[in-house]
Amino acid sequence: MRALATQYGVHVTMVVHPRKTDADTDLDIQHFGGSARVTQEADNVLAIQRRRDERDRGKFRKFLYILKNRYGGHKVETDQLEMLFQPGTYSHTIVDHSVKM
């Protein structure tokens, strides 16, 4: 896949499911794939994780983690963005926590 992307200058998206973890464990690059090569060869690694809401245990919250950004110039493993599902469009929007309510 890496050779294909490099040769033709295209982006290749692969979906790789992480190994099972405890509900309270943050995902990191080590949780993916049967081999480390999957994440080593990738330019970008993103993870989506669903977590139980601590205030309302009957609800879940979803987070997008940026685990690798080869050309971003810095490691962003602690970066996380909360996502809200929009049923009308079957899509997610990013929650802007900088906006004060």
PDB file of N, CA and C in Angstrom:
ATOM      1  N   MET A   1       0.818  -1.184   0.000  1.00  0.00           N
ATOM      2  CA  MET A   1       0.000   0.000   0.000  1.00  0.00           C
ATOM      3  C   MET A   1       0.868   1.256   0.000  1.00  0.00           C
ATOM      4  N   ARG A   2       1.926   1.233   0.779  1.00  0.00           N
ATOM      5  CA  ARG A   2       2.806   2.400   0.859  1.00  0.00           C
ATOM      6  C   ARG A   2       3.428   2.691  -0.502  1.00  0.00           C
ATOM      7  N   ALA A   3       3.869   1.644  -1.194  1.00  0.00           N
ATOM      8  CA  ALA A   3       4.480   1.823  -2.515  1.00  0.00           C
ATOM      9  C   ALA A   3       3.465   2.397  -3.505  1.00  0.00           C
ATOM     10  N   LEU A   4       2.237   1.921  -3.445  1.00  0.00           N
ATOM     11  CA  LEU A   4       1.168   2.416  -4.318  1.00  0.00           C
ATOM     12  C   LEU A   4       0.927   3.907  -4.074  1.00  0.00           C
ATOM     13  N   ALA A   5       0.815   4.291  -2.811  1.00  0.00           N
ATOM     14  CA  ALA A   5       0.568   5.693  -2.463  1.00  0.00           C
ATOM     15  C   ALA A   5       1.718   6.582  -2.924  1.00  0.00           C
ATOM     16  N   THR A   6       2.943   6.124  -2.731  1.00  0.00           N
ATOM     17  CA  THR A   6       4.114   6.910  -3.118  1.00  0.00           C
ATOM     18  C   THR A   6       4.243   7.009  -4.633  1.00  0.00           C
ATOM     19  N   GLN A   7       4.079   5.889  -5.319  1.00  0.00           N
ATOM     20  CA  GLN A   7       4.242   5.858  -6.771  1.00  0.00           C
ATOM     21  C   GLN A   7       3.232   6.752  -7.484  1.00  0.00           C
ATOM     22  N   TYR A   8       1.976   6.729  -7.023  1.00  0.00           N
ATOM     23  CA  TYR A   8       0.925   7.470  -7.716  1.00  0.00           C
ATOM     24  C   TYR A   8       0.532   8.774  -7.024  1.00  0.00           C
ATOM     25  N   GLY A   9       1.169   9.082  -5.903  1.00  0.00           N
ATOM     26  CA  GLY A   9       0.874  10.329  -5.203  1.00  0.00           C
ATOM     27  C   GLY A   9      -0.562  10.408  -4.714  1.00  0.00           C
ATOM     28  N   VAL A  10      -1.059   9.291  -4.200  1.00  0.00           N
ATOM     29  CA  VAL A  10      -2.446   9.241  -3.725  1.00  0.00           C
ATOM     30  C   VAL A  10      -2.480   8.932  -2.233  1.00  0.00           C
ATOM     31  N   HIS A  11      -3.616   9.224  -1.638  1.00  0.00           N
ATOM     32  CA  HIS A  11      -3.844   8.904  -0.229  1.00  0.00           C
ATOM     33  C   HIS A  11      -4.564   7.563  -0.157  1.00  0.00           C
ATOM     34  N   VAL A  12      -4.109   6.689   0.688  1.00  0.00           N
ATOM     35  CA  VAL A  12      -4.752   5.394   0.900  1.00  0.00           C
ATOM     36  C   VAL A  12      -5.257   5.361   2.335  1.00  0.00           C
ATOM     37  N   THR A  13      -6.538   5.070   2.503  1.00  0.00           N
ATOM     38  CA  THR A  13      -7.121   4.958   3.837  1.00  0.00           C
ATOM     39  C   THR A  13      -7.323   3.487   4.154  1.00  0.00           C
ATOM     40  N   MET A  14      -6.790   3.052   5.278  1.00  0.00           N
ATOM     41  CA  MET A  14      -6.995   1.683   5.748  1.00  0.00           C
ATOM     42  C   MET A  14      -7.691   1.753   7.099  1.00  0.00           C
ATOM     43  N   VAL A  15      -8.644   0.876   7.305  1.00  0.00           N
ATOM     44  CA  VAL A  15      -9.309   0.776   8.602  1.00  0.00           C
ATOM     45  C   VAL A  15      -8.708  -0.416   9.326  1.00  0.00           C
ATOM     46  N   VAL A  16      -8.138  -0.153  10.494  1.00  0.00           N
ATOM     47  CA  VAL A  16      -7.514  -1.199  11.300  1.00  0.00           C
ATOM     48  C   VAL A  16      -8.142  -1.134  12.680  1.00  0.00           C
ATOM     49  N   HIS A  17      -8.699  -2.234  13.119  1.00  0.00           N
ATOM     50  CA  HIS A  17      -9.344  -2.260  14.431  1.00  0.00           C
ATOM     51  C   HIS A  17      -8.308  -2.503  15.526  1.00  0.00           C
ATOM     52  N   PRO A  18      -8.435  -1.791  16.635  1.00  0.00           N
ATOM     53  CA  PRO A  18      -7.474  -1.968  17.731  1.00  0.00           C
ATOM     54  C   PRO A  18      -7.720  -3.260  18.491  1.00  0.00           C
ATOM     55  N   ARG A  19      -6.707  -3.676  19.225  1.00  0.00           N
ATOM     56  CA  ARG A  19      -6.892  -4.801  20.142  1.00  0.00           C
ATOM     57  C   ARG A  19      -7.856  -4.379  21.236  1.00  0.00           C
ATOM     58  N   LYS A  20      -8.491  -5.334  21.855  1.00  0.00           N
ATOM     59  CA  LYS A  20      -9.411  -5.048  22.964  1.00  0.00           C
ATOM     60  C   LYS A  20      -8.644  -4.416  24.119  1.00  0.00           C
ATOM     61  N   THR A  21      -9.272  -3.411  24.744  1.00  0.00           N
ATOM     62  CA  THR A  21      -8.673  -2.751  25.898  1.00  0.00           C
ATOM     63  C   THR A  21      -9.735  -2.580  26.971  1.00  0.00           C
ATOM     64  N   ASP A  22      -9.293  -2.204  28.153  1.00  0.00           N
ATOM     65  CA  ASP A  22     -10.241  -1.836  29.198  1.00  0.00           C
ATOM     66  C   ASP A  22     -10.960  -0.568  28.762  1.00  0.00           C
ATOM     67  N   ALA A  23     -12.164  -0.371  29.256  1.00  0.00           N
ATOM     68  CA  ALA A  23     -12.967   0.789  28.875  1.00  0.00           C
ATOM     69  C   ALA A  23     -12.294   2.108  29.225  1.00  0.00           C
ATOM     70  N   ASP A  24     -11.465   2.121  30.255  1.00  0.00           N
ATOM     71  CA  ASP A  24     -10.836   3.366  30.701  1.00  0.00           C
ATOM     72  C   ASP A  24      -9.452   3.604  30.095  1.00  0.00           C
ATOM     73  N   THR A  25      -9.011   2.729  29.206  1.00  0.00           N
ATOM     74  CA  THR A  25      -7.682   2.842  28.621  1.00  0.00           C
ATOM     75  C   THR A  25      -7.712   3.715  27.377  1.00  0.00           C
ATOM     76  N   ASP A  26      -6.838   4.720  27.327  1.00  0.00           N
ATOM     77  CA  ASP A  26      -6.707   5.531  26.119  1.00  0.00           C
ATOM     78  C   ASP A  26      -5.998   4.714  25.052  1.00  0.00           C
ATOM     79  N   LEU A  27      -6.483   4.826  23.816  1.00  0.00           N
ATOM     80  CA  LEU A  27      -5.829   4.143  22.711  1.00  0.00           C
ATOM     81  C   LEU A  27      -4.529   4.855  22.363  1.00  0.00           C
ATOM     82  N   ASP A  28      -3.535   4.062  21.955  1.00  0.00           N
ATOM     83  CA  ASP A  28      -2.316   4.636  21.405  1.00  0.00           C
ATOM     84  C   ASP A  28      -1.883   3.766  20.229  1.00  0.00           C
ATOM     85  N   ILE A  29      -0.796   4.116  19.603  1.00  0.00           N
ATOM     86  CA  ILE A  29      -0.352   3.417  18.390  1.00  0.00           C
ATOM     87  C   ILE A  29      -0.112   1.933  18.641  1.00  0.00           C
ATOM     88  N   GLN A  30       0.289   1.560  19.836  1.00  0.00           N
ATOM     89  CA  GLN A  30       0.594   0.162  20.151  1.00  0.00           C
ATOM     90  C   GLN A  30      -0.639  -0.744  20.106  1.00  0.00           C
ATOM     91  N   HIS A  31      -1.840  -0.181  20.126  1.00  0.00           N
ATOM     92  CA  HIS A  31      -3.065  -0.977  20.138  1.00  0.00           C
ATOM     93  C   HIS A  31      -3.509  -1.444  18.748  1.00  0.00           C
ATOM     94  N   PHE A  32      -2.805  -1.038  17.686  1.00  0.00           N
ATOM     95  CA  PHE A  32      -3.301  -1.300  16.338  1.00  0.00           C
ATOM     96  C   PHE A  32      -2.532  -2.364  15.596  1.00  0.00           C
ATOM     97  N   GLY A  33      -3.289  -3.163  14.851  1.00  0.00           N
ATOM     98  CA  GLY A  33      -2.730  -4.103  13.907  1.00  0.00           C
ATOM     99  C   GLY A  33      -2.021  -5.287  14.520  1.00  0.00           C
ATOM    100  N   GLY A  34      -1.835  -6.303  13.685  1.00  0.00           N
ATOM    101  CA  GLY A  34      -1.111  -7.484  14.096  1.00  0.00           C
ATOM    102  C   GLY A  34       0.387  -7.271  13.988  1.00  0.00           C
ATOM    103  N   SER A  35       0.745  -6.202  13.291  1.00  0.00           N
ATOM    104  CA  SER A  35       2.168  -5.907  13.150  1.00  0.00           C
ATOM    105  C   SER A  35       2.371  -4.411  13.294  1.00  0.00           C
ATOM    106  N   ALA A  36       3.517  -4.038  13.793  1.00  0.00           N
ATOM    107  CA  ALA A  36       3.814  -2.615  13.980  1.00  0.00           C
ATOM    108  C   ALA A  36       3.965  -1.909  12.642  1.00  0.00           C
ATOM    109  N   ARG A  37       4.150  -2.651  11.585  1.00  0.00           N
ATOM    110  CA  ARG A  37       4.388  -2.059  10.270  1.00  0.00           C
ATOM    111  C   ARG A  37       3.211  -1.214   9.799  1.00  0.00           C
ATOM    112  N   VAL A  38       2.014  -1.582  10.179  1.00  0.00           N
ATOM    113  CA  VAL A  38       0.828  -0.829   9.758  1.00  0.00           C
ATOM    114  C   VAL A  38       0.957   0.630  10.171  1.00  0.00           C
ATOM    115  N   THR A  39       1.327   0.883  11.402  1.00  0.00           N
ATOM    116  CA  THR A  39       1.434   2.263  11.871  1.00  0.00           C
ATOM    117  C   THR A  39       2.783   2.890  11.512  1.00  0.00           C
ATOM    118  N   GLN A  40       3.815   2.074  11.341  1.00  0.00           N
ATOM    119  CA  GLN A  40       5.119   2.622  10.953  1.00  0.00           C
ATOM    120  C   GLN A  40       5.078   3.197   9.547  1.00  0.00           C
ATOM    121  N   GLU A  41       4.410   2.520   8.644  1.00  0.00           N
ATOM    122  CA  GLU A  41       4.351   2.948   7.249  1.00  0.00           C
ATOM    123  C   GLU A  41       3.375   4.098   7.028  1.00  0.00           C
ATOM    124  N   ALA A  42       2.427   4.265   7.923  1.00  0.00           N
ATOM    125  CA  ALA A  42       1.390   5.289   7.745  1.00  0.00           C
ATOM    126  C   ALA A  42       1.941   6.693   7.973  1.00  0.00           C
ATOM    127  N   ASP A  43       1.424   7.639   7.192  1.00  0.00           N
ATOM    128  CA  ASP A  43       1.759   9.044   7.424  1.00  0.00           C
ATOM    129  C   ASP A  43       0.920   9.613   8.561  1.00  0.00           C
ATOM    130  N   ASN A  44      -0.314   9.163   8.654  1.00  0.00           N
ATOM    131  CA  ASN A  44      -1.239   9.652   9.680  1.00  0.00           C
ATOM    132  C   ASN A  44      -1.950   8.471  10.316  1.00  0.00           C
ATOM    133  N   VAL A  45      -2.129   8.527  11.621  1.00  0.00           N
ATOM    134  CA  VAL A  45      -2.908   7.508  12.328  1.00  0.00           C
ATOM    135  C   VAL A  45      -3.929   8.241  13.190  1.00  0.00           C
ATOM    136  N   LEU A  46      -5.195   7.955  12.931  1.00  0.00           N
ATOM    137  CA  LEU A  46      -6.299   8.528  13.695  1.00  0.00           C
ATOM    138  C   LEU A  46      -7.040   7.396  14.375  1.00  0.00           C
ATOM    139  N   ALA A  47      -7.559   7.651  15.552  1.00  0.00           N
ATOM    140  CA  ALA A  47      -8.344   6.642  16.268  1.00  0.00           C
ATOM    141  C   ALA A  47      -9.629   7.284  16.758  1.00  0.00           C
ATOM    142  N   ILE A  48     -10.704   6.540  16.676  1.00  0.00           N
ATOM    143  CA  ILE A  48     -11.984   6.976  17.234  1.00  0.00           C
ATOM    144  C   ILE A  48     -12.297   6.043  18.389  1.00  0.00           C
ATOM    145  N   GLN A  49     -12.583   6.624  19.534  1.00  0.00           N
ATOM    146  CA  GLN A  49     -12.868   5.816  20.722  1.00  0.00           C
ATOM    147  C   GLN A  49     -14.153   6.302  21.372  1.00  0.00           C
ATOM    148  N   ARG A  50     -14.962   5.348  21.771  1.00  0.00           N
ATOM    149  CA  ARG A  50     -16.212   5.644  22.467  1.00  0.00           C
ATOM    150  C   ARG A  50     -15.990   5.403  23.950  1.00  0.00           C
ATOM    151  N   ARG A  51     -16.391   6.388  24.760  1.00  0.00           N
ATOM    152  CA  ARG A  51     -16.223   6.278  26.215  1.00  0.00           C
ATOM    153  C   ARG A  51     -17.544   6.553  26.909  1.00  0.00           C
ATOM    154  N   ARG A  52     -17.767   5.845  27.992  1.00  0.00           N
ATOM    155  CA  ARG A  52     -18.973   6.080  28.786  1.00  0.00           C
ATOM    156  C   ARG A  52     -18.876   7.452  29.442  1.00  0.00           C
ATOM    157  N   ASP A  53     -19.961   8.210  29.396  1.00  0.00           N
ATOM    158  CA  ASP A  53     -20.011   9.545  30.001  1.00  0.00           C
ATOM    159  C   ASP A  53     -19.955   9.405  31.517  1.00  0.00           C
ATOM    160  N   GLU A  54     -19.015  10.081  32.146  1.00  0.00           N
ATOM    161  CA  GLU A  54     -18.845   9.964  33.599  1.00  0.00           C
ATOM    162  C   GLU A  54     -19.998  10.591  34.370  1.00  0.00           C
ATOM    163  N   ARG A  55     -20.663  11.581  33.782  1.00  0.00           N
ATOM    164  CA  ARG A  55     -21.795  12.227  34.464  1.00  0.00           C
ATOM    165  C   ARG A  55     -23.093  11.453  34.283  1.00  0.00           C
ATOM    166  N   ASP A  56     -23.232  10.778  33.143  1.00  0.00           N
ATOM    167  CA  ASP A  56     -24.438  10.001  32.850  1.00  0.00           C
ATOM    168  C   ASP A  56     -23.993   8.660  32.282  1.00  0.00           C
ATOM    169  N   ARG A  57     -23.871   7.653  33.140  1.00  0.00           N
ATOM    170  CA  ARG A  57     -23.319   6.353  32.750  1.00  0.00           C
ATOM    171  C   ARG A  57     -24.138   5.647  31.677  1.00  0.00           C
ATOM    172  N   GLY A  58     -25.348   6.138  31.392  1.00  0.00           N
ATOM    173  CA  GLY A  58     -26.168   5.546  30.336  1.00  0.00           C
ATOM    174  C   GLY A  58     -25.840   6.086  28.956  1.00  0.00           C
ATOM    175  N   LYS A  59     -24.964   7.089  28.880  1.00  0.00           N
ATOM    176  CA  LYS A  59     -24.615   7.714  27.603  1.00  0.00           C
ATOM    177  C   LYS A  59     -23.137   7.505  27.293  1.00  0.00           C
ATOM    178  N   PHE A  60     -22.824   7.655  26.020  1.00  0.00           N
ATOM    179  CA  PHE A  60     -21.442   7.535  25.570  1.00  0.00           C
ATOM    180  C   PHE A  60     -21.001   8.817  24.892  1.00  0.00           C
ATOM    181  N   ARG A  61     -19.704   9.077  24.942  1.00  0.00           N
ATOM    182  CA  ARG A  61     -19.088  10.195  24.235  1.00  0.00           C
ATOM    183  C   ARG A  61     -18.054   9.608  23.277  1.00  0.00           C
ATOM    184  N   LYS A  62     -17.849  10.259  22.137  1.00  0.00           N
ATOM    185  CA  LYS A  62     -16.876   9.783  21.152  1.00  0.00           C
ATOM    186  C   LYS A  62     -15.765  10.808  20.998  1.00  0.00           C
ATOM    187  N   PHE A  63     -14.545  10.286  20.842  1.00  0.00           N
ATOM    188  CA  PHE A  63     -13.377  11.142  20.705  1.00  0.00           C
ATOM    189  C   PHE A  63     -12.533  10.701  19.516  1.00  0.00           C
ATOM    190  N   LEU A  64     -12.001  11.675  18.808  1.00  0.00           N
ATOM    191  CA  LEU A  64     -11.052  11.440  17.731  1.00  0.00           C
ATOM    192  C   LEU A  64      -9.668  11.773  18.278  1.00  0.00           C
ATOM    193  N   TYR A  65      -8.764  10.798  18.232  1.00  0.00           N
ATOM    194  CA  TYR A  65      -7.395  10.982  18.705  1.00  0.00           C
ATOM    195  C   TYR A  65      -6.463  11.036  17.496  1.00  0.00           C
ATOM    196  N   ILE A  66      -5.565  11.999  17.487  1.00  0.00           N
ATOM    197  CA  ILE A  66      -4.556  12.095  16.443  1.00  0.00           C
ATOM    198  C   ILE A  66      -3.299  11.446  17.016  1.00  0.00           C
ATOM    199  N   LEU A  67      -3.028  10.213  16.591  1.00  0.00           N
ATOM    200  CA  LEU A  67      -1.932   9.444  17.175  1.00  0.00           C
ATOM    201  C   LEU A  67      -0.620   9.617  16.422  1.00  0.00           C
ATOM    202  N   LYS A  68      -0.724   9.967  15.137  1.00  0.00           N
ATOM    203  CA  LYS A  68       0.496  10.176  14.357  1.00  0.00           C
ATOM    204  C   LYS A  68       0.196  11.167  13.243  1.00  0.00           C
ATOM    205  N   ASN A  69       1.119  12.100  13.058  1.00  0.00           N
ATOM    206  CA  ASN A  69       1.017  13.087  11.997  1.00  0.00           C
ATOM    207  C   ASN A  69       2.432  13.306  11.483  1.00  0.00           C
ATOM    208  N   ARG A  70       2.821  12.493  10.506  1.00  0.00           N
ATOM    209  CA  ARG A  70       4.216  12.471  10.045  1.00  0.00           C
ATOM    210  C   ARG A  70       4.716  13.850   9.605  1.00  0.00           C
ATOM    211  N   TYR A  71       3.879  14.622   8.955  1.00  0.00           N
ATOM    212  CA  TYR A  71       4.334  15.904   8.413  1.00  0.00           C
ATOM    213  C   TYR A  71       3.852  17.088   9.236  1.00  0.00           C
ATOM    214  N   GLY A  72       3.310  16.843  10.398  1.00  0.00           N
ATOM    215  CA  GLY A  72       2.812  17.924  11.243  1.00  0.00           C
ATOM    216  C   GLY A  72       3.883  18.573  12.093  1.00  0.00           C
ATOM    217  N   GLY A  73       5.044  17.953  12.167  1.00  0.00           N
ATOM    218  CA  GLY A  73       6.155  18.570  12.863  1.00  0.00           C
ATOM    219  C   GLY A  73       6.193  18.338  14.363  1.00  0.00           C
ATOM    220  N   HIS A  74       5.172  17.694  14.920  1.00  0.00           N
ATOM    221  CA  HIS A  74       5.198  17.406  16.355  1.00  0.00           C
ATOM    222  C   HIS A  74       4.332  16.186  16.645  1.00  0.00           C
ATOM    223  N   LYS A  75       4.624  15.549  17.750  1.00  0.00           N
ATOM    224  CA  LYS A  75       3.835  14.390  18.171  1.00  0.00           C
ATOM    225  C   LYS A  75       2.568  14.898  18.837  1.00  0.00           C
ATOM    226  N   VAL A  76       1.445  14.342  18.440  1.00  0.00           N
ATOM    227  CA  VAL A  76       0.161  14.865  18.902  1.00  0.00           C
ATOM    228  C   VAL A  76      -0.654  13.804  19.630  1.00  0.00           C
ATOM    229  N   GLU A  77       0.021  12.845  20.232  1.00  0.00           N
ATOM    230  CA  GLU A  77      -0.658  11.705  20.836  1.00  0.00           C
ATOM    231  C   GLU A  77      -1.689  12.100  21.887  1.00  0.00           C
ATOM    232  N   THR A  78      -1.498  13.234  22.544  1.00  0.00           N
ATOM    233  CA  THR A  78      -2.459  13.637  23.570  1.00  0.00           C
ATOM    234  C   THR A  78      -3.604  14.466  23.002  1.00  0.00           C
ATOM    235  N   ASP A  79      -3.535  14.811  21.726  1.00  0.00           N
ATOM    236  CA  ASP A  79      -4.611  15.597  21.121  1.00  0.00           C
ATOM    237  C   ASP A  79      -5.853  14.741  20.966  1.00  0.00           C
ATOM    238  N   GLN A  80      -6.956  15.272  21.437  1.00  0.00           N
ATOM    239  CA  GLN A  80      -8.224  14.575  21.256  1.00  0.00           C
ATOM    240  C   GLN A  80      -9.301  15.602  20.954  1.00  0.00           C
ATOM    241  N   LEU A  81     -10.229  15.214  20.112  1.00  0.00           N
ATOM    242  CA  LEU A  81     -11.341  16.068  19.742  1.00  0.00           C
ATOM    243  C   LEU A  81     -12.625  15.307  20.030  1.00  0.00           C
ATOM    244  N   GLU A  82     -13.536  15.931  20.745  1.00  0.00           N
ATOM    245  CA  GLU A  82     -14.813  15.267  21.007  1.00  0.00           C
ATOM    246  C   GLU A  82     -15.708  15.425  19.784  1.00  0.00           C
ATOM    247  N   MET A  83     -16.445  14.370  19.465  1.00  0.00           N
ATOM    248  CA  MET A  83     -17.329  14.373  18.304  1.00  0.00           C
ATOM    249  C   MET A  83     -18.765  14.145  18.750  1.00  0.00           C
ATOM    250  N   LEU A  84     -19.696  14.856  18.122  1.00  0.00           N
ATOM    251  CA  LEU A  84     -21.123  14.655  18.367  1.00  0.00           C
ATOM    252  C   LEU A  84     -21.768  14.107  17.109  1.00  0.00           C
ATOM    253  N   PHE A  85     -22.550  13.039  17.260  1.00  0.00           N
ATOM    254  CA  PHE A  85     -23.241  12.447  16.120  1.00  0.00           C
ATOM    255  C   PHE A  85     -24.438  13.305  15.740  1.00  0.00           C
ATOM    256  N   GLN A  86     -24.587  13.550  14.445  1.00  0.00           N
ATOM    257  CA  GLN A  86     -25.716  14.309  13.912  1.00  0.00           C
ATOM    258  C   GLN A  86     -26.631  13.333  13.169  1.00  0.00           C
ATOM    259  N   PRO A  87     -27.726  12.877  13.811  1.00  0.00           N
ATOM    260  CA  PRO A  87     -28.580  11.853  13.207  1.00  0.00           C
ATOM    261  C   PRO A  87     -29.157  12.250  11.850  1.00  0.00           C
ATOM    262  N   GLY A  88     -29.456  13.523  11.657  1.00  0.00           N
ATOM    263  CA  GLY A  88     -30.064  13.968  10.399  1.00  0.00           C
ATOM    264  C   GLY A  88     -29.180  13.762   9.188  1.00  0.00           C
ATOM    265  N   THR A  89     -27.875  13.839   9.388  1.00  0.00           N
ATOM    266  CA  THR A  89     -26.934  13.706   8.273  1.00  0.00           C
ATOM    267  C   THR A  89     -26.038  12.471   8.400  1.00  0.00           C
ATOM    268  N   TYR A  90     -26.235  11.693   9.454  1.00  0.00           N
ATOM    269  CA  TYR A  90     -25.400  10.506   9.715  1.00  0.00           C
ATOM    270  C   TYR A  90     -23.913  10.872   9.696  1.00  0.00           C
ATOM    271  N   SER A  91     -23.589  11.988  10.316  1.00  0.00           N
ATOM    272  CA  SER A  91     -22.202  12.444  10.363  1.00  0.00           C
ATOM    273  C   SER A  91     -21.878  12.929  11.774  1.00  0.00           C
ATOM    274  N   HIS A  92     -20.632  13.282  11.976  1.00  0.00           N
ATOM    275  CA  HIS A  92     -20.185  13.805  13.270  1.00  0.00           C
ATOM    276  C   HIS A  92     -19.692  15.234  13.094  1.00  0.00           C
ATOM    277  N   THR A  93     -19.856  16.031  14.130  1.00  0.00           N
ATOM    278  CA  THR A  93     -19.257  17.360  14.172  1.00  0.00           C
ATOM    279  C   THR A  93     -18.304  17.393  15.362  1.00  0.00           C
ATOM    280  N   ILE A  94     -17.304  18.246  15.263  1.00  0.00           N
ATOM    281  CA  ILE A  94     -16.326  18.401  16.334  1.00  0.00           C
ATOM    282  C   ILE A  94     -16.872  19.396  17.351  1.00  0.00           C
ATOM    283  N   VAL A  95     -16.799  19.045  18.629  1.00  0.00           N
ATOM    284  CA  VAL A  95     -17.261  19.917  19.709  1.00  0.00           C
ATOM    285  C   VAL A  95     -16.193  20.977  19.955  1.00  0.00           C
ATOM    286  N   ASP A  96     -16.607  22.229  19.967  1.00  0.00           N
ATOM    287  CA  ASP A  96     -15.684  23.329  20.240  1.00  0.00           C
ATOM    288  C   ASP A  96     -15.787  23.676  21.719  1.00  0.00           C
ATOM    289  N   HIS A  97     -14.870  23.143  22.524  1.00  0.00           N
ATOM    290  CA  HIS A  97     -14.897  23.379  23.965  1.00  0.00           C
ATOM    291  C   HIS A  97     -14.380  24.766  24.342  1.00  0.00           C
ATOM    292  N   SER A  98     -13.879  25.518  23.369  1.00  0.00           N
ATOM    293  CA  SER A  98     -13.395  26.866  23.673  1.00  0.00           C
ATOM    294  C   SER A  98     -14.544  27.863  23.793  1.00  0.00           C
ATOM    295  N   VAL A  99     -15.720  27.484  23.292  1.00  0.00           N
ATOM    296  CA  VAL A  99     -16.886  28.363  23.360  1.00  0.00           C
ATOM    297  C   VAL A  99     -17.522  28.224  24.732  1.00  0.00           C
ATOM    298  N   LYS A 100     -17.642  29.326  25.443  1.00  0.00           N
ATOM    299  CA  LYS A 100     -18.259  29.319  26.777  1.00  0.00           C
ATOM    300  C   LYS A 100     -19.768  29.448  26.626  1.00  0.00           C
ATOM    301  N   MET A 101     -20.484  28.615  27.340  1.00  0.00           N
ATOM    302  CA  MET A 101     -21.949  28.659  27.297  1.00  0.00           C
ATOM    303  C   MET A 101     -22.481  29.547  28.393  1.00  0.00           C
TER     304      MET A 101
END
